[in-house]
C-alpha atoms as a PDB file:
ATOM      1  CA  UNK A   1     195.040-108.880   9.455  1.00  0.00           C
ATOM      2  CA  UNK A   2     198.688-109.496   8.466  1.00  0.00           C
ATOM      3  CA  UNK A   3     200.499-112.631   9.612  1.00  0.00           C
ATOM      4  CA  UNK A   4     202.839-110.529  11.782  1.00  0.00           C
ATOM      5  CA  UNK A   5     199.999-108.618  13.301  1.00  0.00           C
ATOM      6  CA  UNK A   6     198.199-111.868  14.000  1.00  0.00           C
ATOM      7  CA  UNK A   7     201.162-113.291  15.901  1.00  0.00           C
ATOM      8  CA  UNK A   8     201.400-110.130  17.931  1.00  0.00           C
ATOM      9  CA  UNK A   9     197.746-110.384  19.006  1.00  0.00           C
ATOM     10  CA  UNK A  10     198.274-114.035  19.957  1.00  0.00           C
ATOM     11  CA  UNK A  11     201.363-113.073  22.081  1.00  0.00           C
ATOM     12  CA  UNK A  12     199.372-110.359  23.807  1.00  0.00           C
ATOM     13  CA  UNK A  13     196.549-112.836  24.603  1.00  0.00           C
ATOM     14  CA  UNK A  14     199.106-115.433  25.815  1.00  0.00           C
ATOM     15  CA  UNK A  15     200.623-112.949  28.206  1.00  0.00           C
ATOM     16  CA  UNK A  16     197.159-111.906  29.385  1.00  0.00           C
ATOM     17  CA  UNK A  17     196.162-115.448  30.055  1.00  0.00           C
ATOM     18  CA  UNK A  18     199.448-116.027  32.051  1.00  0.00           C
ATOM     19  CA  UNK A  19     198.372-113.264  34.423  1.00  0.00           C
ATOM     20  CA  UNK A  20     194.885-114.694  35.080  1.00  0.00           C
ATOM     21  CA  UNK A  21     194.227-117.354  37.645  1.00  0.00           C
ATOM     22  CA  UNK A  22     191.074-119.466  37.105  1.00  0.00           C
ATOM     23  CA  UNK A  23     189.478-120.892  40.098  1.00  0.00           C
ATOM     24  CA  UNK A  24     186.341-122.568  41.194  1.00  0.00           C
ATOM     25  CA  UNK A  25     184.375-122.081  44.447  1.00  0.00           C
ATOM     26  CA  UNK A  26     181.854-124.666  45.658  1.00  0.00           C
ATOM     27  CA  UNK A  27     178.788-122.974  47.169  1.00  0.00           C
ATOM     28  CA  UNK A  28     175.561-124.559  48.351  1.00  0.00           C
ATOM     29  CA  UNK A  29     173.765-125.688  45.187  1.00  0.00           C
ATOM     30  CA  UNK A  30     176.360-124.511  42.601  1.00  0.00           C
ATOM     31  CA  UNK A  31     179.864-124.339  41.500  1.00  0.00           C
ATOM     32  CA  UNK A  32     181.095-120.869  40.725  1.00  0.00           C
ATOM     33  CA  UNK A  33     183.926-120.150  38.200  1.00  0.00           C
ATOM     34  CA  UNK A  34     185.964-117.066  38.830  1.00  0.00           C
ATOM     35  CA  UNK A  35     189.093-115.418  37.692  1.00  0.00           C
ATOM     36  CA  UNK A  36     191.733-113.395  39.672  1.00  0.00           C
ATOM     37  CA  UNK A  37     194.067-110.723  38.207  1.00  0.00           C
ATOM     38  CA  UNK A  38     196.584-108.461  39.826  1.00  0.00           C
ATOM     39  CA  UNK A  39     197.376-107.791  43.439  1.00  0.00           C
ATOM     40  CA  UNK A  40     196.336-105.252  46.151  1.00  0.00           C
ATOM     41  CA  UNK A  41     192.843-104.250  47.347  1.00  0.00           C
ATOM     42  CA  UNK A  42     190.027-106.519  46.056  1.00  0.00           C
ATOM     43  CA  UNK A  43     187.662-105.345  43.400  1.00  0.00           C
ATOM     44  CA  UNK A  44     184.818-107.678  42.733  1.00  0.00           C
ATOM     45  CA  UNK A  45     182.920-107.214  39.513  1.00  0.00           C
ATOM     46  CA  UNK A  46     179.382-108.639  39.174  1.00  0.00           C
ATOM     47  CA  UNK A  47     177.978-109.123  35.691  1.00  0.00           C
ATOM     48  CA  UNK A  48     174.455-108.554  34.706  1.00  0.00           C
ATOM     49  CA  UNK A  49     171.896-110.640  32.869  1.00  0.00           C
ATOM     50  CA  UNK A  50     173.204-113.337  30.625  1.00  0.00           C
ATOM     51  CA  UNK A  51     176.816-111.904  30.811  1.00  0.00           C
ATOM     52  CA  UNK A  52     179.715-113.745  32.443  1.00  0.00           C
ATOM     53  CA  UNK A  53     183.269-112.862  33.600  1.00  0.00           C
ATOM     54  CA  UNK A  54     184.335-112.162  30.052  1.00  0.00           C
ATOM     55  CA  UNK A  55     182.109-109.024  30.061  1.00  0.00           C
ATOM     56  CA  UNK A  56     184.817-107.353  32.151  1.00  0.00           C
ATOM     57  CA  UNK A  57     187.871-108.968  30.607  1.00  0.00           C
ATOM     58  CA  UNK A  58     189.405-105.809  29.010  1.00  0.00           C
ATOM     59  CA  UNK A  59     188.764-103.476  31.988  1.00  0.00           C
ATOM     60  CA  UNK A  60     189.906-106.172  34.475  1.00  0.00           C
ATOM     61  CA  UNK A  61     193.202-106.360  32.626  1.00  0.00           C
ATOM     62  CA  UNK A  62     193.604-102.659  32.790  1.00  0.00           C
ATOM     63  CA  UNK A  63     192.779-102.431  36.571  1.00  0.00           C
ATOM     64  CA  UNK A  64     194.894-105.409  37.569  1.00  0.00           C
ATOM     65  CA  UNK A  65     197.999-103.096  37.977  1.00  0.00           C
ATOM     66  CA  UNK A  66     196.269-101.368  40.798  1.00  0.00           C
ATOM     67  CA  UNK A  67     194.202-104.054  42.662  1.00  0.00           C
ATOM     68  CA  UNK A  68     193.198-107.628  42.845  1.00  0.00           C
ATOM     69  CA  UNK A  69     190.345-107.931  40.250  1.00  0.00           C
ATOM     70  CA  UNK A  70     187.848-110.699  40.811  1.00  0.00           C
ATOM     71  CA  UNK A  71     185.330-111.566  38.015  1.00  0.00           C
ATOM     72  CA  UNK A  72     183.075-114.530  37.828  1.00  0.00           C
ATOM     73  CA  UNK A  73     180.139-116.342  36.135  1.00  0.00           C
ATOM     74  CA  UNK A  74     176.963-116.125  38.264  1.00  0.00           C
ATOM     75  CA  UNK A  75     175.441-119.456  39.212  1.00  0.00           C
ATOM     76  CA  UNK A  76     173.401-121.180  36.415  1.00  0.00           C
ATOM     77  CA  UNK A  77     175.262-119.225  33.709  1.00  0.00           C
ATOM     78  CA  UNK A  78     178.231-119.995  31.465  1.00  0.00           C
ATOM     79  CA  UNK A  79     180.886-121.953  33.433  1.00  0.00           C
ATOM     80  CA  UNK A  80     179.101-121.870  36.718  1.00  0.00           C
ATOM     81  CA  UNK A  81     176.720-124.925  36.572  1.00  0.00           C
ATOM     82  CA  UNK A  82     174.072-125.632  39.066  1.00  0.00           C
ATOM     83  CA  UNK A  83     171.401-128.448  39.393  1.00  0.00           C
ATOM     84  CA  UNK A  84     167.733-127.559  39.732  1.00  0.00           C
ATOM     85  CA  UNK A  85     165.532-124.909  38.196  1.00  0.00           C
ATOM     86  CA  UNK A  86     166.171-121.370  37.419  1.00  0.00           C
ATOM     87  CA  UNK A  87     162.907-120.531  38.983  1.00  0.00           C
ATOM     88  CA  UNK A  88     164.717-121.000  42.330  1.00  0.00           C
ATOM     89  CA  UNK A  89     167.140-118.110  41.669  1.00  0.00           C
ATOM     90  CA  UNK A  90     166.735-114.982  43.757  1.00  0.00           C
ATOM     91  CA  UNK A  91     168.632-111.671  44.140  1.00  0.00           C
ATOM     92  CA  UNK A  92     169.444-112.747  47.717  1.00  0.00           C
ATOM     93  CA  UNK A  93     170.907-116.082  46.549  1.00  0.00           C
ATOM     94  CA  UNK A  94     173.185-114.237  44.023  1.00  0.00           C
ATOM     95  CA  UNK A  95     174.222-111.771  46.742  1.00  0.00           C
ATOM     96  CA  UNK A  96     175.132-114.593  48.994  1.00  0.00           C
ATOM     97  CA  UNK A  97     177.224-116.146  46.291  1.00  0.00           C
ATOM     98  CA  UNK A  98     179.098-112.839  45.905  1.00  0.00           C
ATOM     99  CA  UNK A  99     179.591-112.732  49.713  1.00  0.00           C
ATOM    100  CA  UNK A 100     181.039-116.193  49.738  1.00  0.00           C
ATOM    101  CA  UNK A 101     183.363-115.292  46.852  1.00  0.00           C
ATOM    102  CA  UNK A 102     184.700-112.272  48.750  1.00  0.00           C
ATOM    103  CA  UNK A 103     185.344-114.459  51.774  1.00  0.00           C
ATOM    104  CA  UNK A 104     187.281-116.919  49.594  1.00  0.00           C
ATOM    105  CA  UNK A 105     189.613-114.282  48.208  1.00  0.00           C
ATOM    106  CA  UNK A 106     190.165-111.972  51.114  1.00  0.00           C
ATOM    107  CA  UNK A 107     189.112-111.145  54.736  1.00  0.00           C
ATOM    108  CA  UNK A 108     189.479-107.366  54.054  1.00  0.00           C
ATOM    109  CA  UNK A 109     186.722-104.988  52.911  1.00  0.00           C
ATOM    110  CA  UNK A 110     186.423-104.953  49.090  1.00  0.00           C
ATOM    111  CA  UNK A 111     185.367-102.579  46.407  1.00  0.00           C
ATOM    112  CA  UNK A 112     182.413-103.909  44.323  1.00  0.00           C
ATOM    113  CA  UNK A 113     181.218-102.935  40.886  1.00  0.00           C
ATOM    114  CA  UNK A 114     177.794-104.329  39.722  1.00  0.00           C
ATOM    115  CA  UNK A 115     176.379-103.700  36.323  1.00  0.00           C
ATOM    116  CA  UNK A 116     172.565-103.913  35.390  1.00  0.00           C
ATOM    117  CA  UNK A 117     171.195-107.001  37.149  1.00  0.00           C
ATOM    118  CA  UNK A 118     174.582-107.426  38.841  1.00  0.00           C
ATOM    119  CA  UNK A 119     174.126-104.017  40.430  1.00  0.00           C
ATOM    120  CA  UNK A 120     170.788-105.191  41.960  1.00  0.00           C
ATOM    121  CA  UNK A 121     172.711-108.065  43.557  1.00  0.00           C
ATOM    122  CA  UNK A 122     175.435-105.689  44.714  1.00  0.00           C
ATOM    123  CA  UNK A 123     172.808-103.513  46.341  1.00  0.00           C
ATOM    124  CA  UNK A 124     171.495-106.494  48.275  1.00  0.00           C
ATOM    125  CA  UNK A 125     175.071-107.563  49.124  1.00  0.00           C
ATOM    126  CA  UNK A 126     175.849-104.162  50.663  1.00  0.00           C
ATOM    127  CA  UNK A 127     172.505-104.000  52.434  1.00  0.00           C
ATOM    128  CA  UNK A 128     172.991-107.317  54.256  1.00  0.00           C
ATOM    129  CA  UNK A 129     176.751-107.458  54.478  1.00  0.00           C
ATOM    130  CA  UNK A 130     177.902-103.737  54.847  1.00  0.00           C
ATOM    131  CA  UNK A 131     181.046-104.622  56.660  1.00  0.00           C
ATOM    132  CA  UNK A 132     182.366-106.545  53.703  1.00  0.00           C
ATOM    133  CA  UNK A 133     182.116-103.719  51.126  1.00  0.00           C
ATOM    134  CA  UNK A 134     184.217-100.565  51.181  1.00  0.00           C
ATOM    135  CA  UNK A 135     182.931 -98.850  48.066  1.00  0.00           C
ATOM    136  CA  UNK A 136     179.986 -99.953  45.850  1.00  0.00           C
ATOM    137  CA  UNK A 137     179.437 -98.623  42.331  1.00  0.00           C
ATOM    138  CA  UNK A 138     175.997 -99.767  41.238  1.00  0.00           C
ATOM    139  CA  UNK A 139     175.793 -99.130  37.439  1.00  0.00           C
ATOM    140  CA  UNK A 140     172.186 -98.852  36.155  1.00  0.00           C
ATOM    141  CA  UNK A 141     170.508-101.321  38.537  1.00  0.00           C
ATOM    142  CA  UNK A 142     167.005-102.255  37.178  1.00  0.00           C
ATOM    143  CA  UNK A 143     165.332-101.317  40.446  1.00  0.00           C
ATOM    144  CA  UNK A 144     161.863-100.245  39.242  1.00  0.00           C
ATOM    145  CA  UNK A 145     160.556 -99.407  42.769  1.00  0.00           C
ATOM    146  CA  UNK A 146     162.543 -96.191  42.621  1.00  0.00           C
ATOM    147  CA  UNK A 147     160.935 -94.978  39.423  1.00  0.00           C
ATOM    148  CA  UNK A 148     157.870 -92.659  39.327  1.00  0.00           C
ATOM    149  CA  UNK A 149     155.965 -95.178  37.174  1.00  0.00           C
ATOM    150  CA  UNK A 150     156.966 -98.219  39.315  1.00  0.00           C
ATOM    151  CA  UNK A 151     153.582 -99.794  39.000  1.00  0.00           C
ATOM    152  CA  UNK A 152     153.868-100.130  35.213  1.00  0.00           C
ATOM    153  CA  UNK A 153     157.237-101.837  35.535  1.00  0.00           C
ATOM    154  CA  UNK A 154     155.965-104.232  38.216  1.00  0.00           C
ATOM    155  CA  UNK A 155     153.162-105.207  35.867  1.00  0.00           C
ATOM    156  CA  UNK A 156     155.624-105.566  32.967  1.00  0.00           C
ATOM    157  CA  UNK A 157     157.871-107.878  35.262  1.00  0.00           C
ATOM    158  CA  UNK A 158     154.846-110.097  35.939  1.00  0.00           C
ATOM    159  CA  UNK A 159     154.059-110.389  32.309  1.00  0.00           C
ATOM    160  CA  UNK A 160     157.621-111.178  31.355  1.00  0.00           C
ATOM    161  CA  UNK A 161     157.789-113.891  34.106  1.00  0.00           C
ATOM    162  CA  UNK A 162     154.519-115.434  32.981  1.00  0.00           C
ATOM    163  CA  UNK A 163     155.619-115.393  29.259  1.00  0.00           C
ATOM    164  CA  UNK A 164     158.889-117.141  30.268  1.00  0.00           C
ATOM    165  CA  UNK A 165     157.056-119.835  32.087  1.00  0.00           C
ATOM    166  CA  UNK A 166     154.580-120.430  29.232  1.00  0.00           C
ATOM    167  CA  UNK A 167     156.497-119.614  26.072  1.00  0.00           C
ATOM    168  CA  UNK A 168     160.231-119.699  26.937  1.00  0.00           C
ATOM    169  CA  UNK A 169     163.240-117.373  27.082  1.00  0.00           C
ATOM    170  CA  UNK A 170     163.033-115.773  23.548  1.00  0.00           C
ATOM    171  CA  UNK A 171     159.358-114.820  23.893  1.00  0.00           C
ATOM    172  CA  UNK A 172     160.026-113.323  27.313  1.00  0.00           C
ATOM    173  CA  UNK A 173     163.019-111.319  26.062  1.00  0.00           C
ATOM    174  CA  UNK A 174     160.876-109.954  23.214  1.00  0.00           C
ATOM    175  CA  UNK A 175     158.148-108.909  25.573  1.00  0.00           C
ATOM    176  CA  UNK A 176     160.702-107.249  27.975  1.00  0.00           C
ATOM    177  CA  UNK A 177     162.292-105.370  25.075  1.00  0.00           C
ATOM    178  CA  UNK A 178     158.971-104.280  23.684  1.00  0.00           C
ATOM    179  CA  UNK A 179     157.804-103.100  27.144  1.00  0.00           C
ATOM    180  CA  UNK A 180     160.886-101.002  27.858  1.00  0.00           C
ATOM    181  CA  UNK A 181     160.917 -99.501  24.368  1.00  0.00           C
ATOM    182  CA  UNK A 182     157.252 -98.415  24.912  1.00  0.00           C
ATOM    183  CA  UNK A 183     158.425 -95.830  27.479  1.00  0.00           C
ATOM    184  CA  UNK A 184     160.557 -94.086  24.834  1.00  0.00           C
ATOM    185  CA  UNK A 185     157.726 -94.020  22.264  1.00  0.00           C
ATOM    186  CA  UNK A 186     155.368 -92.478  24.801  1.00  0.00           C
ATOM    187  CA  UNK A 187     157.740 -89.601  25.560  1.00  0.00           C
ATOM    188  CA  UNK A 188     155.717 -86.249  25.312  1.00  0.00           C
ATOM    189  CA  UNK A 189     158.432 -84.510  23.334  1.00  0.00           C
ATOM    190  CA  UNK A 190     161.365 -85.542  21.143  1.00  0.00           C
ATOM    191  CA  UNK A 191     164.495 -84.539  22.923  1.00  0.00           C
ATOM    192  CA  UNK A 192     167.465 -82.966  21.015  1.00  0.00           C
ATOM    193  CA  UNK A 193     170.086 -85.221  19.462  1.00  0.00           C
ATOM    194  CA  UNK A 194     172.520 -84.430  22.337  1.00  0.00           C
ATOM    195  CA  UNK A 195     169.911 -85.298  24.940  1.00  0.00           C
ATOM    196  CA  UNK A 196     168.973 -88.479  23.217  1.00  0.00           C
ATOM    197  CA  UNK A 197     172.609 -89.608  23.407  1.00  0.00           C
ATOM    198  CA  UNK A 198     172.853 -88.949  27.130  1.00  0.00           C
ATOM    199  CA  UNK A 199     169.488 -90.203  28.226  1.00  0.00           C
ATOM    200  CA  UNK A 200     169.672 -93.330  30.252  1.00  0.00           C
ATOM    201  CA  UNK A 201     167.729 -96.373  29.319  1.00  0.00           C
ATOM    202  CA  UNK A 202     164.086 -96.346  30.608  1.00  0.00           C
ATOM    203  CA  UNK A 203     163.354 -98.754  33.411  1.00  0.00           C
ATOM    204  CA  UNK A 204     166.883 -98.391  34.980  1.00  0.00           C
ATOM    205  CA  UNK A 205     167.938 -96.347  37.913  1.00  0.00           C
ATOM    206  CA  UNK A 206     171.054 -94.182  37.516  1.00  0.00           C
ATOM    207  CA  UNK A 207     174.576 -95.178  38.608  1.00  0.00           C
ATOM    208  CA  UNK A 208     175.176 -94.870  42.346  1.00  0.00           C
ATOM    209  CA  UNK A 209     178.408 -94.793  44.299  1.00  0.00           C
ATOM    210  CA  UNK A 210     178.394 -95.299  48.013  1.00  0.00           C
ATOM    211  CA  UNK A 211     180.868 -96.183  50.839  1.00  0.00           C
ATOM    212  CA  UNK A 212     178.990 -98.213  53.460  1.00  0.00           C
ATOM    213  CA  UNK A 213     182.165 -98.625  55.471  1.00  0.00           C
ATOM    214  CA  UNK A 214     182.411 -94.980  56.270  1.00  0.00           C
END
């Protein structure tokens, strides 16, 4: 990268940071770090797995011209510390955090995007607090109960949990990856190249969009 190009990138990043307001919300048992961009109707973006607010950084910058984009680090991850054990974390607890965050930024209904594990939390959010969500986009929620081979994924989840407790995070991640990949290897026929590109990941439900408010 040339010196001039490097300064240009730095200037763009500086302007971006000027338009981002970093905040912190105290919730029961944790301190949530979140960022706010733009103005207008609220769009809350819930990250999945080990990801944090930075997962949505680029798209949040693009959408900030049309709405108030709220991104955050879920409790126990990145800049949202919490005391206690990760074993105490539940989908309902994450959804309650999202609900409190919505209340902190606006009293109006909000649009919500959840990705992967964040989509699971978003589904729980809209199920228990439908009046707070105008539109929900649930992107590939890992909800195995909806799959035809749900029992196999339930068993895999139990194995991953036990491996995590006995051998740690890395071993559990290896087991999870191996178990999900096994579905692809057991496929009865090899799909065309085009179909392989478009096929969703095994073990994930498709993307859903719903408007609980009407």
